[in-house]
Amino acid sequence: MNALHRRLCRSDRWAARMHGEVLPWALEGVDLAGDVLEIGPGYGVTTRWLVERAGALTAAEVDPRLAKDLGRTMGERVDVRTADGTRLPFADARFDAVVCFTVLHHVPSPAQQDRVFAEAARVLRPGGVFAGSDSRRSLRFRLLHVGDTMVVVDPETLPDRLQGAGFHEAIADAGERSFRFRAQR
């Protein structure tokens, strides 16, 4: 991520938007009482919100430095692993819910995004839910990602992609600046 993007993702303003708007909207009606996996927590803004609501929380972060910092910050409250969302180091049917927020567009290709979806399906228990949100394409979004990986997910095609990964009852709803998705295993 470029310097501007890193600064935004660590900001109080971003945390307030995520905690006050995006996360409650994206996870409306999602049961977080069991074992929850967060893919791509980055700087931990979403993790800080989830840890207060999840029964048990595991976070899989691909960047070793971010994973180490998050592990230090969260202590024993969250099981932080350095792991790639396309190759999760967890047993089949390990989690009750898998979530990810504003991370899919950082996955370098649609094929790798589909691999993240397949891995989420693999580690979910039958009846488990995969839910989250990501940003919609806009000029502001594009400018924030100059020099970054930015492979925007089309919310219109996402339900079919999720079903192709092994989910059912897949939906995606577009908001003004972002979209939320949900699918069941």
Protein backbone atom coordinates (compact mmCIF):
# COMPACT_ATOMS: atom_id res chain seq x y z
CA MET A 1 0.00 0.00 0.00
CA ASN A 2 1.18 3.54 -0.67
CA ALA A 3 1.87 5.94 2.22
CA LEU A 4 -1.49 7.73 1.95
CA HIS A 5 -3.38 4.46 1.98
CA ARG A 6 -1.41 3.17 5.00
CA ARG A 7 -2.11 6.40 6.85
CA LEU A 8 -5.84 6.22 6.14
CA CYS A 9 -6.10 2.58 7.24
CA ARG A 10 -4.54 3.44 10.62
CA SER A 11 -6.56 6.61 11.18
CA ASP A 12 -9.19 7.31 13.83
CA ARG A 13 -11.45 8.56 11.02
CA TRP A 14 -11.26 5.19 9.24
CA ALA A 15 -11.85 3.32 12.51
CA ALA A 16 -14.90 5.47 13.27
CA ARG A 17 -16.38 4.80 9.81
CA MET A 18 -15.69 1.06 10.02
CA HIS A 19 -16.94 0.68 13.61
CA GLY A 20 -19.93 3.00 13.30
CA GLU A 21 -21.16 2.26 9.79
CA VAL A 22 -19.53 -0.48 7.73
CA LEU A 23 -19.13 -3.34 10.22
CA PRO A 24 -22.62 -3.09 11.75
CA TRP A 25 -24.10 -2.92 8.23
CA ALA A 26 -21.95 -5.73 6.78
CA LEU A 27 -22.54 -8.08 9.71
CA GLU A 28 -26.19 -7.29 10.40
CA GLY A 29 -27.78 -10.56 11.52
CA VAL A 30 -24.52 -12.58 11.36
CA ASP A 31 -23.96 -14.82 14.37
CA LEU A 32 -20.43 -14.22 15.69
CA ALA A 33 -20.86 -16.24 18.90
CA GLY A 34 -18.72 -19.19 17.78
CA ASP A 35 -15.26 -19.54 16.27
CA VAL A 36 -14.65 -16.66 13.86
CA LEU A 37 -11.83 -16.26 11.32
CA GLU A 38 -10.95 -12.82 9.98
CA ILE A 39 -9.01 -12.86 6.71
CA GLY A 40 -6.77 -9.84 6.13
CA PRO A 41 -7.05 -7.76 9.30
CA GLY A 42 -4.22 -5.42 8.25
CA TYR A 43 -3.70 -2.84 10.97
CA GLY A 44 -6.45 -4.37 13.12
CA VAL A 45 -9.18 -1.72 12.91
CA THR A 46 -11.82 -4.36 12.21
CA THR A 47 -10.22 -6.86 14.60
CA ARG A 48 -10.66 -4.44 17.51
CA TRP A 49 -14.40 -4.31 16.77
CA LEU A 50 -14.74 -8.06 16.19
CA VAL A 51 -12.93 -9.15 19.35
CA GLU A 52 -15.69 -7.57 21.44
CA ARG A 53 -18.36 -9.56 19.59
CA ALA A 54 -16.84 -12.91 18.56
CA GLY A 55 -16.88 -16.01 20.72
CA ALA A 56 -13.30 -16.82 19.72
CA LEU A 57 -11.40 -14.84 17.09
CA THR A 58 -8.56 -15.93 14.82
CA ALA A 59 -6.95 -13.49 12.38
CA ALA A 60 -5.00 -14.53 9.27
CA GLU A 61 -2.74 -11.73 7.96
CA VAL A 62 -0.37 -12.25 5.01
CA ASP A 63 2.06 -9.46 5.99
CA PRO A 64 4.38 -10.82 8.73
CA ARG A 65 5.06 -7.37 10.18
CA LEU A 66 1.37 -6.51 10.43
CA ALA A 67 0.61 -9.95 11.91
CA LYS A 68 3.34 -9.51 14.53
CA ASP A 69 2.12 -6.00 15.44
CA LEU A 70 -1.49 -7.18 15.65
CA GLY A 71 -0.50 -10.15 17.80
CA ARG A 72 1.36 -7.84 20.16
CA THR A 73 -1.58 -5.41 20.32
CA MET A 74 -4.31 -8.02 20.80
CA GLY A 75 -2.36 -10.36 23.08
CA GLU A 76 -4.18 -13.57 23.92
CA ARG A 77 -7.56 -12.15 22.96
CA VAL A 78 -6.97 -13.03 19.29
CA ASP A 79 -5.07 -15.94 17.74
CA VAL A 80 -3.09 -14.05 15.07
CA ARG A 81 -1.47 -16.11 12.32
CA THR A 82 0.76 -15.07 9.47
CA ALA A 83 -1.14 -16.71 6.63
CA ASP A 84 -2.19 -16.19 3.02
CA GLY A 85 -5.95 -16.21 2.46
CA THR A 86 -5.44 -18.37 -0.63
CA ARG A 87 -3.74 -21.09 1.47
CA LEU A 88 -5.19 -21.01 4.98
CA PRO A 89 -3.38 -23.21 7.54
CA PHE A 90 -6.56 -24.44 9.20
CA ALA A 91 -8.41 -27.74 9.17
CA ASP A 92 -11.53 -28.23 7.09
CA ALA A 93 -14.75 -27.12 8.82
CA ARG A 94 -12.83 -25.36 11.63
CA PHE A 95 -14.84 -22.09 11.90
CA ASP A 96 -18.46 -21.04 12.39
CA ALA A 97 -17.96 -17.76 10.51
CA VAL A 98 -15.33 -16.28 8.20
CA VAL A 99 -15.21 -12.53 7.61
CA CYS A 100 -13.13 -10.06 5.64
CA PHE A 101 -13.37 -6.32 5.20
CA THR A 102 -11.83 -4.07 2.54
CA VAL A 103 -9.27 -6.73 1.70
CA LEU A 104 -10.55 -8.43 -1.45
CA HIS A 105 -9.45 -5.60 -3.74
CA HIS A 106 -5.86 -6.13 -2.48
CA VAL A 107 -5.85 -9.72 -3.76
CA PRO A 108 -3.87 -9.48 -7.03
CA SER A 109 -6.24 -11.27 -9.44
CA PRO A 110 -9.81 -12.51 -9.75
CA ALA A 111 -8.46 -16.10 -9.80
CA GLN A 112 -6.73 -15.54 -6.47
CA GLN A 113 -9.86 -13.88 -5.07
CA ASP A 114 -11.76 -17.01 -6.08
CA ARG A 115 -9.13 -19.05 -4.23
CA VAL A 116 -9.78 -16.96 -1.09
CA PHE A 117 -13.50 -17.75 -1.49
CA ALA A 118 -12.75 -21.48 -1.88
CA GLU A 119 -10.53 -21.45 1.21
CA ALA A 120 -13.22 -19.63 3.21
CA ALA A 121 -15.69 -22.34 2.16
CA ARG A 122 -13.23 -25.10 3.06
CA VAL A 123 -12.57 -23.87 6.61
CA LEU A 124 -16.25 -23.17 7.37
CA ARG A 125 -18.44 -25.69 9.14
CA PRO A 126 -21.63 -26.70 7.32
CA GLY A 127 -24.15 -23.94 7.92
CA GLY A 128 -21.37 -21.43 8.59
CA VAL A 129 -21.41 -17.97 7.06
CA PHE A 130 -18.87 -16.04 5.01
CA ALA A 131 -19.53 -12.31 5.25
CA GLY A 132 -17.81 -9.00 4.76
CA SER A 133 -17.52 -5.86 2.73
CA ASP A 134 -15.30 -4.16 0.22
CA SER A 135 -15.14 -0.84 -1.56
CA ARG A 136 -16.83 0.09 -4.80
CA ARG A 137 -14.98 1.61 -7.73
CA SER A 138 -14.80 5.40 -7.74
CA LEU A 139 -12.33 8.13 -8.67
CA ARG A 140 -11.52 8.72 -5.00
CA PHE A 141 -10.93 4.99 -4.46
CA ARG A 142 -8.67 4.81 -7.53
CA LEU A 143 -6.62 7.83 -6.40
CA LEU A 144 -6.14 6.29 -2.97
CA HIS A 145 -4.70 3.19 -4.65
CA VAL A 146 -2.14 4.79 -6.97
CA GLY A 147 0.77 2.36 -6.97
CA ASP A 148 -1.22 -0.23 -4.96
CA THR A 149 -2.77 -3.51 -5.93
CA MET A 150 -6.40 -2.77 -6.75
CA VAL A 151 -8.55 -5.51 -8.26
CA VAL A 152 -12.07 -4.29 -7.61
CA VAL A 153 -14.73 -6.94 -7.05
CA ASP A 154 -17.97 -6.43 -8.94
CA PRO A 155 -20.81 -6.92 -6.45
CA GLU A 156 -23.12 -7.94 -9.33
CA THR A 157 -21.00 -10.99 -10.20
CA LEU A 158 -19.88 -11.83 -6.65
CA PRO A 159 -22.83 -14.11 -5.74
CA ASP A 160 -22.09 -16.36 -8.74
CA ARG A 161 -18.39 -16.42 -7.84
CA LEU A 162 -19.22 -17.39 -4.25
CA GLN A 163 -21.55 -20.15 -5.43
CA GLY A 164 -18.74 -21.39 -7.69
CA ALA A 165 -16.54 -21.64 -4.59
CA GLY A 166 -19.03 -23.89 -2.82
CA PHE A 167 -21.39 -21.48 -1.09
CA HIS A 168 -25.15 -21.17 -1.38
CA GLU A 169 -27.56 -18.35 -0.58
CA ALA A 170 -24.90 -15.89 -1.75
CA ILE A 171 -25.88 -12.22 -1.87
CA ALA A 172 -24.16 -8.87 -2.35
CA ASP A 173 -25.75 -5.50 -1.59
CA ALA A 174 -24.23 -2.25 -2.83
CA GLY A 175 -24.13 0.83 -0.66
CA GLU A 176 -22.93 4.28 -1.64
CA ARG A 177 -19.16 3.66 -1.22
CA SER A 178 -18.98 -0.03 -0.44
CA PHE A 179 -20.82 -3.31 -0.75
CA ARG A 180 -21.52 -6.10 1.68
CA PHE A 181 -21.74 -9.79 0.94
CA ARG A 182 -22.88 -12.93 2.66
CA ALA A 183 -22.94 -16.59 1.73
CA GLN A 184 -23.65 -19.82 3.56
CA ARG A 185 -21.66 -23.05 3.54
